[in-house]
Amino acid sequence: TGGIIQGFDGIKKAYETGKGKIIVRGKAQIEDIRGGRQQIVITEIPYEVNKANLVKKMDEFRLDRKVEGISEVRDETDRTGLRIVI
């Protein structure tokens, strides 16, 4: 788990009033591979996001052609850490 908190307003409001909305996004990077292609590597996902459901949903988008340009979705997670490759 992990991720990046988007914006400061939710955190500030949570400290001031005890209530606030904090948006957390996963952490990803783009890597170049041979053949002039690129791959997106997700290394952190927010708390309570089910990794298996996330990979399954992304693969369904690929099969239904809702997102163009995706050739495969792989879960390369091992004991060193999370790694989802698109």
PDB file of N, CA and C in Angstrom:
ATOM      1  N   THR A   1       0.841  -1.183   0.000  1.00  0.00           N
ATOM      2  CA  THR A   1       0.000   0.000   0.000  1.00  0.00           C
ATOM      3  C   THR A   1       0.877   1.234   0.000  1.00  0.00           C
ATOM      4  N   GLY A   2       0.276   2.333  -0.251  1.00  0.00           N
ATOM      5  CA  GLY A   2       0.999   3.597  -0.319  1.00  0.00           C
ATOM      6  C   GLY A   2       0.245   4.532  -1.217  1.00  0.00           C
ATOM      7  N   GLY A   3       0.939   5.421  -1.860  1.00  0.00           N
ATOM      8  CA  GLY A   3       0.313   6.319  -2.809  1.00  0.00           C
ATOM      9  C   GLY A   3       0.680   7.753  -2.555  1.00  0.00           C
ATOM     10  N   ILE A   4       0.024   8.625  -3.314  1.00  0.00           N
ATOM     11  CA  ILE A   4       0.288  10.046  -3.271  1.00  0.00           C
ATOM     12  C   ILE A   4      -1.006  10.762  -2.890  1.00  0.00           C
ATOM     13  N   ILE A   5      -0.937  11.648  -1.908  1.00  0.00           N
ATOM     14  CA  ILE A   5      -2.106  12.427  -1.517  1.00  0.00           C
ATOM     15  C   ILE A   5      -2.222  13.604  -2.471  1.00  0.00           C
ATOM     16  N   GLN A   6      -3.419  13.778  -3.037  1.00  0.00           N
ATOM     17  CA  GLN A   6      -3.677  14.859  -3.978  1.00  0.00           C
ATOM     18  C   GLN A   6      -4.269  16.052  -3.235  1.00  0.00           C
ATOM     19  N   GLY A   7      -3.583  17.170  -3.237  1.00  0.00           N
ATOM     20  CA  GLY A   7      -4.095  18.406  -2.660  1.00  0.00           C
ATOM     21  C   GLY A   7      -3.895  18.507  -1.156  1.00  0.00           C
ATOM     22  N   PHE A   8      -4.022  19.731  -0.657  1.00  0.00           N
ATOM     23  CA  PHE A   8      -3.829  20.003   0.758  1.00  0.00           C
ATOM     24  C   PHE A   8      -5.123  20.363   1.470  1.00  0.00           C
ATOM     25  N   ASP A   9      -6.172  20.709   0.713  1.00  0.00           N
ATOM     26  CA  ASP A   9      -7.415  21.180   1.324  1.00  0.00           C
ATOM     27  C   ASP A   9      -8.042  20.133   2.239  1.00  0.00           C
ATOM     28  N   GLY A  10      -8.072  18.871   1.812  1.00  0.00           N
ATOM     29  CA  GLY A  10      -8.673  17.811   2.614  1.00  0.00           C
ATOM     30  C   GLY A  10      -7.931  17.570   3.908  1.00  0.00           C
ATOM     31  N   ILE A  11      -6.612  17.610   3.853  1.00  0.00           N
ATOM     32  CA  ILE A  11      -5.797  17.403   5.055  1.00  0.00           C
ATOM     33  C   ILE A  11      -6.002  18.570   6.024  1.00  0.00           C
ATOM     34  N   LYS A  12      -5.982  19.783   5.491  1.00  0.00           N
ATOM     35  CA  LYS A  12      -6.159  20.970   6.327  1.00  0.00           C
ATOM     36  C   LYS A  12      -7.524  20.947   7.012  1.00  0.00           C
ATOM     37  N   LYS A  13      -8.562  20.598   6.244  1.00  0.00           N
ATOM     38  CA  LYS A  13      -9.916  20.560   6.808  1.00  0.00           C
ATOM     39  C   LYS A  13     -10.032  19.444   7.854  1.00  0.00           C
ATOM     40  N   ALA A  14      -9.364  18.316   7.616  1.00  0.00           N
ATOM     41  CA  ALA A  14      -9.409  17.212   8.575  1.00  0.00           C
ATOM     42  C   ALA A  14      -8.774  17.609   9.903  1.00  0.00           C
ATOM     43  N   TYR A  15      -7.679  18.342   9.857  1.00  0.00           N
ATOM     44  CA  TYR A  15      -7.040  18.787  11.091  1.00  0.00           C
ATOM     45  C   TYR A  15      -7.849  19.872  11.799  1.00  0.00           C
ATOM     46  N   GLU A  16      -8.484  20.758  11.017  1.00  0.00           N
ATOM     47  CA  GLU A  16      -9.230  21.850  11.626  1.00  0.00           C
ATOM     48  C   GLU A  16     -10.570  21.400  12.207  1.00  0.00           C
ATOM     49  N   THR A  17     -11.321  20.578  11.468  1.00  0.00           N
ATOM     50  CA  THR A  17     -12.680  20.228  11.877  1.00  0.00           C
ATOM     51  C   THR A  17     -12.852  18.785  12.319  1.00  0.00           C
ATOM     52  N   GLY A  18     -11.879  17.942  12.012  1.00  0.00           N
ATOM     53  CA  GLY A  18     -12.015  16.528  12.340  1.00  0.00           C
ATOM     54  C   GLY A  18     -12.624  15.726  11.208  1.00  0.00           C
ATOM     55  N   LYS A  19     -13.053  16.410  10.135  1.00  0.00           N
ATOM     56  CA  LYS A  19     -13.623  15.753   8.966  1.00  0.00           C
ATOM     57  C   LYS A  19     -12.967  16.336   7.724  1.00  0.00           C
ATOM     58  N   GLY A  20     -12.705  15.481   6.762  1.00  0.00           N
ATOM     59  CA  GLY A  20     -12.115  15.953   5.525  1.00  0.00           C
ATOM     60  C   GLY A  20     -12.000  14.827   4.523  1.00  0.00           C
ATOM     61  N   LYS A  21     -11.940  15.182   3.266  1.00  0.00           N
ATOM     62  CA  LYS A  21     -11.841  14.200   2.197  1.00  0.00           C
ATOM     63  C   LYS A  21     -10.429  14.245   1.629  1.00  0.00           C
ATOM     64  N   ILE A  22      -9.747  13.119   1.703  1.00  0.00           N
ATOM     65  CA  ILE A  22      -8.384  13.024   1.200  1.00  0.00           C
ATOM     66  C   ILE A  22      -8.385  12.066   0.014  1.00  0.00           C
ATOM     67  N   ILE A  23      -7.896  12.530  -1.124  1.00  0.00           N
ATOM     68  CA  ILE A  23      -7.819  11.707  -2.326  1.00  0.00           C
ATOM     69  C   ILE A  23      -6.407  11.141  -2.426  1.00  0.00           C
ATOM     70  N   VAL A  24      -6.316   9.811  -2.525  1.00  0.00           N
ATOM     71  CA  VAL A  24      -5.024   9.138  -2.614  1.00  0.00           C
ATOM     72  C   VAL A  24      -4.945   8.425  -3.957  1.00  0.00           C
ATOM     73  N   ARG A  25      -3.863   8.633  -4.672  1.00  0.00           N
ATOM     74  CA  ARG A  25      -3.641   7.991  -5.962  1.00  0.00           C
ATOM     75  C   ARG A  25      -2.430   7.079  -5.874  1.00  0.00           C
ATOM     76  N   GLY A  26      -2.397   6.102  -6.764  1.00  0.00           N
ATOM     77  CA  GLY A  26      -1.270   5.194  -6.823  1.00  0.00           C
ATOM     78  C   GLY A  26      -0.056   5.872  -7.419  1.00  0.00           C
ATOM     79  N   LYS A  27       1.087   5.228  -7.265  1.00  0.00           N
ATOM     80  CA  LYS A  27       2.328   5.763  -7.807  1.00  0.00           C
ATOM     81  C   LYS A  27       2.739   4.905  -9.004  1.00  0.00           C
ATOM     82  N   ALA A  28       3.054   5.555 -10.120  1.00  0.00           N
ATOM     83  CA  ALA A  28       3.416   4.846 -11.344  1.00  0.00           C
ATOM     84  C   ALA A  28       4.547   5.579 -12.044  1.00  0.00           C
ATOM     85  N   GLN A  29       5.230   4.862 -12.913  1.00  0.00           N
ATOM     86  CA  GLN A  29       6.293   5.451 -13.721  1.00  0.00           C
ATOM     87  C   GLN A  29       6.277   4.806 -15.098  1.00  0.00           C
ATOM     88  N   ILE A  30       6.823   5.499 -16.074  1.00  0.00           N
ATOM     89  CA  ILE A  30       6.868   4.995 -17.440  1.00  0.00           C
ATOM     90  C   ILE A  30       8.297   4.588 -17.752  1.00  0.00           C
ATOM     91  N   GLU A  31       8.465   3.365 -18.253  1.00  0.00           N
ATOM     92  CA  GLU A  31       9.785   2.841 -18.608  1.00  0.00           C
ATOM     93  C   GLU A  31       9.829   2.540 -20.096  1.00  0.00           C
ATOM     94  N   ASP A  32      10.969   2.815 -20.703  1.00  0.00           N
ATOM     95  CA  ASP A  32      11.166   2.475 -22.111  1.00  0.00           C
ATOM     96  C   ASP A  32      11.651   1.032 -22.205  1.00  0.00           C
ATOM     97  N   ILE A  33      11.118   0.311 -23.200  1.00  0.00           N
ATOM     98  CA  ILE A  33      11.556  -1.061 -23.458  1.00  0.00           C
ATOM     99  C   ILE A  33      11.995  -1.145 -24.906  1.00  0.00           C
ATOM    100  N   ARG A  34      12.558  -2.270 -25.284  1.00  0.00           N
ATOM    101  CA  ARG A  34      13.085  -2.400 -26.643  1.00  0.00           C
ATOM    102  C   ARG A  34      11.963  -2.299 -27.677  1.00  0.00           C
ATOM    103  N   GLY A  35      12.344  -1.934 -28.879  1.00  0.00           N
ATOM    104  CA  GLY A  35      11.365  -1.774 -29.945  1.00  0.00           C
ATOM    105  C   GLY A  35      10.699  -0.410 -29.941  1.00  0.00           C
ATOM    106  N   GLY A  36      11.233   0.542 -29.163  1.00  0.00           N
ATOM    107  CA  GLY A  36      10.654   1.870 -29.109  1.00  0.00           C
ATOM    108  C   GLY A  36       9.322   1.937 -28.380  1.00  0.00           C
ATOM    109  N   ARG A  37       9.016   0.923 -27.597  1.00  0.00           N
ATOM    110  CA  ARG A  37       7.748   0.879 -26.870  1.00  0.00           C
ATOM    111  C   ARG A  37       7.959   1.327 -25.434  1.00  0.00           C
ATOM    112  N   GLN A  38       6.858   1.596 -24.762  1.00  0.00           N
ATOM    113  CA  GLN A  38       6.911   2.010 -23.362  1.00  0.00           C
ATOM    114  C   GLN A  38       5.968   1.156 -22.541  1.00  0.00           C
ATOM    115  N   GLN A  39       6.254   1.071 -21.252  1.00  0.00           N
ATOM    116  CA  GLN A  39       5.369   0.354 -20.344  1.00  0.00           C
ATOM    117  C   GLN A  39       5.148   1.199 -19.101  1.00  0.00           C
ATOM    118  N   ILE A  40       3.945   1.091 -18.560  1.00  0.00           N
ATOM    119  CA  ILE A  40       3.597   1.781 -17.319  1.00  0.00           C
ATOM    120  C   ILE A  40       3.779   0.781 -16.187  1.00  0.00           C
ATOM    121  N   VAL A  41       4.524   1.174 -15.164  1.00  0.00           N
ATOM    122  CA  VAL A  41       4.774   0.298 -14.014  1.00  0.00           C
ATOM    123  C   VAL A  41       4.177   0.948 -12.776  1.00  0.00           C
ATOM    124  N   ILE A  42       3.190   0.288 -12.173  1.00  0.00           N
ATOM    125  CA  ILE A  42       2.549   0.767 -10.948  1.00  0.00           C
ATOM    126  C   ILE A  42       3.270   0.128  -9.771  1.00  0.00           C
ATOM    127  N   THR A  43       3.786   0.967  -8.876  1.00  0.00           N
ATOM    128  CA  THR A  43       4.563   0.456  -7.744  1.00  0.00           C
ATOM    129  C   THR A  43       3.860   0.622  -6.405  1.00  0.00           C
ATOM    130  N   GLU A  44       2.833   1.464  -6.336  1.00  0.00           N
ATOM    131  CA  GLU A  44       2.074   1.646  -5.101  1.00  0.00           C
ATOM    132  C   GLU A  44       0.609   1.852  -5.454  1.00  0.00           C
ATOM    133  N   ILE A  45      -0.277   1.255  -4.663  1.00  0.00           N
ATOM    134  CA  ILE A  45      -1.711   1.474  -4.819  1.00  0.00           C
ATOM    135  C   ILE A  45      -2.269   1.906  -3.468  1.00  0.00           C
ATOM    136  N   PRO A  46      -3.357   2.668  -3.479  1.00  0.00           N
ATOM    137  CA  PRO A  46      -3.919   3.145  -2.215  1.00  0.00           C
ATOM    138  C   PRO A  46      -4.416   2.010  -1.313  1.00  0.00           C
ATOM    139  N   TYR A  47      -4.516   2.321  -0.039  1.00  0.00           N
ATOM    140  CA  TYR A  47      -5.015   1.390   0.959  1.00  0.00           C
ATOM    141  C   TYR A  47      -6.438   0.955   0.603  1.00  0.00           C
ATOM    142  N   GLU A  48      -6.753  -0.293   0.825  1.00  0.00           N
ATOM    143  CA  GLU A  48      -8.051  -0.921   0.572  1.00  0.00           C
ATOM    144  C   GLU A  48      -8.387  -1.106  -0.903  1.00  0.00           C
ATOM    145  N   VAL A  49      -7.431  -0.928  -1.813  1.00  0.00           N
ATOM    146  CA  VAL A  49      -7.651  -1.248  -3.220  1.00  0.00           C
ATOM    147  C   VAL A  49      -7.173  -2.679  -3.411  1.00  0.00           C
ATOM    148  N   ASN A  50      -8.051  -3.540  -3.906  1.00  0.00           N
ATOM    149  CA  ASN A  50      -7.720  -4.940  -4.101  1.00  0.00           C
ATOM    150  C   ASN A  50      -6.912  -5.084  -5.387  1.00  0.00           C
ATOM    151  N   LYS A  51      -5.682  -5.556  -5.252  1.00  0.00           N
ATOM    152  CA  LYS A  51      -4.781  -5.655  -6.395  1.00  0.00           C
ATOM    153  C   LYS A  51      -5.309  -6.607  -7.456  1.00  0.00           C
ATOM    154  N   ALA A  52      -5.841  -7.729  -7.069  1.00  0.00           N
ATOM    155  CA  ALA A  52      -6.346  -8.712  -8.030  1.00  0.00           C
ATOM    156  C   ALA A  52      -7.510  -8.140  -8.835  1.00  0.00           C
ATOM    157  N   ASN A  53      -8.432  -7.452  -8.167  1.00  0.00           N
ATOM    158  CA  ASN A  53      -9.558  -6.835  -8.872  1.00  0.00           C
ATOM    159  C   ASN A  53      -9.100  -5.716  -9.800  1.00  0.00           C
ATOM    160  N   LEU A  54      -8.084  -4.965  -9.379  1.00  0.00           N
ATOM    161  CA  LEU A  54      -7.537  -3.894 -10.209  1.00  0.00           C
ATOM    162  C   LEU A  54      -6.943  -4.446 -11.496  1.00  0.00           C
ATOM    163  N   VAL A  55      -6.136  -5.489 -11.390  1.00  0.00           N
ATOM    164  CA  VAL A  55      -5.515  -6.100 -12.572  1.00  0.00           C
ATOM    165  C   VAL A  55      -6.580  -6.714 -13.473  1.00  0.00           C
ATOM    166  N   LYS A  56      -7.557  -7.367 -12.880  1.00  0.00           N
ATOM    167  CA  LYS A  56      -8.642  -7.979 -13.658  1.00  0.00           C
ATOM    168  C   LYS A  56      -9.424  -6.931 -14.433  1.00  0.00           C
ATOM    169  N   LYS A  57      -9.745  -5.805 -13.779  1.00  0.00           N
ATOM    170  CA  LYS A  57     -10.512  -4.739 -14.421  1.00  0.00           C
ATOM    171  C   LYS A  57      -9.715  -4.099 -15.561  1.00  0.00           C
ATOM    172  N   MET A  58      -8.411  -3.887 -15.350  1.00  0.00           N
ATOM    173  CA  MET A  58      -7.577  -3.329 -16.409  1.00  0.00           C
ATOM    174  C   MET A  58      -7.495  -4.273 -17.600  1.00  0.00           C
ATOM    175  N   ASP A  59      -7.419  -5.565 -17.348  1.00  0.00           N
ATOM    176  CA  ASP A  59      -7.374  -6.540 -18.427  1.00  0.00           C
ATOM    177  C   ASP A  59      -8.704  -6.581 -19.183  1.00  0.00           C
ATOM    178  N   GLU A  60      -9.816  -6.399 -18.480  1.00  0.00           N
ATOM    179  CA  GLU A  60     -11.122  -6.336 -19.147  1.00  0.00           C
ATOM    180  C   GLU A  60     -11.204  -5.114 -20.059  1.00  0.00           C
ATOM    181  N   PHE A  61     -10.654  -3.973 -19.624  1.00  0.00           N
ATOM    182  CA  PHE A  61     -10.618  -2.788 -20.482  1.00  0.00           C
ATOM    183  C   PHE A  61      -9.816  -3.072 -21.749  1.00  0.00           C
ATOM    184  N   ARG A  62      -8.718  -3.814 -21.601  1.00  0.00           N
ATOM    185  CA  ARG A  62      -7.888  -4.153 -22.758  1.00  0.00           C
ATOM    186  C   ARG A  62      -8.656  -5.050 -23.719  1.00  0.00           C
ATOM    187  N   LEU A  63      -9.338  -6.065 -23.200  1.00  0.00           N
ATOM    188  CA  LEU A  63     -10.062  -7.003 -24.050  1.00  0.00           C
ATOM    189  C   LEU A  63     -11.269  -6.363 -24.728  1.00  0.00           C
ATOM    190  N   ASP A  64     -11.947  -5.452 -24.033  1.00  0.00           N
ATOM    191  CA  ASP A  64     -13.121  -4.774 -24.593  1.00  0.00           C
ATOM    192  C   ASP A  64     -12.743  -3.597 -25.492  1.00  0.00           C
ATOM    193  N   ARG A  65     -11.457  -3.315 -25.620  1.00  0.00           N
ATOM    194  CA  ARG A  65     -10.934  -2.214 -26.433  1.00  0.00           C
ATOM    195  C   ARG A  65     -11.449  -0.853 -25.984  1.00  0.00           C
ATOM    196  N   LYS A  66     -11.687  -0.707 -24.677  1.00  0.00           N
ATOM    197  CA  LYS A  66     -12.111   0.590 -24.137  1.00  0.00           C
ATOM    198  C   LYS A  66     -10.921   1.542 -24.053  1.00  0.00           C
ATOM    199  N   VAL A  67      -9.721   0.980 -23.885  1.00  0.00           N
ATOM    200  CA  VAL A  67      -8.490   1.767 -23.866  1.00  0.00           C
ATOM    201  C   VAL A  67      -7.582   1.191 -24.942  1.00  0.00           C
ATOM    202  N   GLU A  68      -7.203   2.017 -25.907  1.00  0.00           N
ATOM    203  CA  GLU A  68      -6.377   1.560 -27.018  1.00  0.00           C
ATOM    204  C   GLU A  68      -4.893   1.587 -26.650  1.00  0.00           C
ATOM    205  N   GLY A  69      -4.122   0.709 -27.252  1.00  0.00           N
ATOM    206  CA  GLY A  69      -2.675   0.719 -27.092  1.00  0.00           C
ATOM    207  C   GLY A  69      -2.143  -0.181 -25.994  1.00  0.00           C
ATOM    208  N   ILE A  70      -2.997  -0.927 -25.321  1.00  0.00           N
ATOM    209  CA  ILE A  70      -2.538  -1.835 -24.266  1.00  0.00           C
ATOM    210  C   ILE A  70      -2.417  -3.230 -24.860  1.00  0.00           C
ATOM    211  N   SER A  71      -1.216  -3.791 -24.822  1.00  0.00           N
ATOM    212  CA  SER A  71      -1.030  -5.133 -25.363  1.00  0.00           C
ATOM    213  C   SER A  71      -1.197  -6.210 -24.296  1.00  0.00           C
ATOM    214  N   GLU A  72      -0.817  -5.907 -23.050  1.00  0.00           N
ATOM    215  CA  GLU A  72      -1.012  -6.874 -21.972  1.00  0.00           C
ATOM    216  C   GLU A  72      -0.914  -6.192 -20.617  1.00  0.00           C
ATOM    217  N   VAL A  73      -1.464  -6.864 -19.616  1.00  0.00           N
ATOM    218  CA  VAL A  73      -1.401  -6.406 -18.228  1.00  0.00           C
ATOM    219  C   VAL A  73      -0.847  -7.562 -17.405  1.00  0.00           C
ATOM    220  N   ARG A  74       0.268  -7.312 -16.696  1.00  0.00           N
ATOM    221  CA  ARG A  74       0.914  -8.368 -15.913  1.00  0.00           C
ATOM    222  C   ARG A  74       1.066  -7.936 -14.456  1.00  0.00           C
ATOM    223  N   ASP A  75       0.917  -8.893 -13.573  1.00  0.00           N
ATOM    224  CA  ASP A  75       1.168  -8.675 -12.152  1.00  0.00           C
ATOM    225  C   ASP A  75       2.499  -9.341 -11.834  1.00  0.00           C
ATOM    226  N   GLU A  76       3.532  -8.536 -11.651  1.00  0.00           N
ATOM    227  CA  GLU A  76       4.878  -9.046 -11.375  1.00  0.00           C
ATOM    228  C   GLU A  76       5.259  -8.856  -9.912  1.00  0.00           C
ATOM    229  N   THR A  77       4.280  -8.847  -9.047  1.00  0.00           N
ATOM    230  CA  THR A  77       4.517  -8.651  -7.625  1.00  0.00           C
ATOM    231  C   THR A  77       5.256  -9.849  -7.046  1.00  0.00           C
ATOM    232  N   ASP A  78       6.255  -9.569  -6.233  1.00  0.00           N
ATOM    233  CA  ASP A  78       6.969 -10.624  -5.519  1.00  0.00           C
ATOM    234  C   ASP A  78       7.238 -10.140  -4.096  1.00  0.00           C
ATOM    235  N   ARG A  79       8.096 -10.817  -3.388  1.00  0.00           N
ATOM    236  CA  ARG A  79       8.308 -10.448  -1.987  1.00  0.00           C
ATOM    237  C   ARG A  79       9.064  -9.131  -1.820  1.00  0.00           C
ATOM    238  N   THR A  80       9.653  -8.606  -2.913  1.00  0.00           N
ATOM    239  CA  THR A  80      10.353  -7.321  -2.811  1.00  0.00           C
ATOM    240  C   THR A  80       9.422  -6.139  -2.944  1.00  0.00           C
ATOM    241  N   GLY A  81       8.217  -6.346  -3.500  1.00  0.00           N
ATOM    242  CA  GLY A  81       7.271  -5.239  -3.585  1.00  0.00           C
ATOM    243  C   GLY A  81       6.273  -5.400  -4.703  1.00  0.00           C
ATOM    244  N   LEU A  82       5.343  -4.474  -4.740  1.00  0.00           N
ATOM    245  CA  LEU A  82       4.265  -4.468  -5.722  1.00  0.00           C
ATOM    246  C   LEU A  82       4.808  -4.004  -7.077  1.00  0.00           C
ATOM    247  N   ARG A  83       4.347  -4.653  -8.144  1.00  0.00           N
ATOM    248  CA  ARG A  83       4.742  -4.259  -9.506  1.00  0.00           C
ATOM    249  C   ARG A  83       3.679  -4.758 -10.475  1.00  0.00           C
ATOM    250  N   ILE A  84       2.895  -3.835 -11.013  1.00  0.00           N
ATOM    251  CA  ILE A  84       1.903  -4.136 -12.033  1.00  0.00           C
ATOM    252  C   ILE A  84       2.370  -3.461 -13.316  1.00  0.00           C
ATOM    253  N   VAL A  85       2.537  -4.251 -14.377  1.00  0.00           N
ATOM    254  CA  VAL A  85       3.086  -3.730 -15.637  1.00  0.00           C
ATOM    255  C   VAL A  85       1.985  -3.703 -16.681  1.00  0.00           C
ATOM    256  N   ILE A  86       1.839  -2.550 -17.333  1.00  0.00           N
ATOM    257  CA  ILE A  86       0.848  -2.371 -18.397  1.00  0.00           C
ATOM    258  C   ILE A  86       1.609  -2.067 -19.679  1.00  0.00           C
TER     259      ILE A  86
END
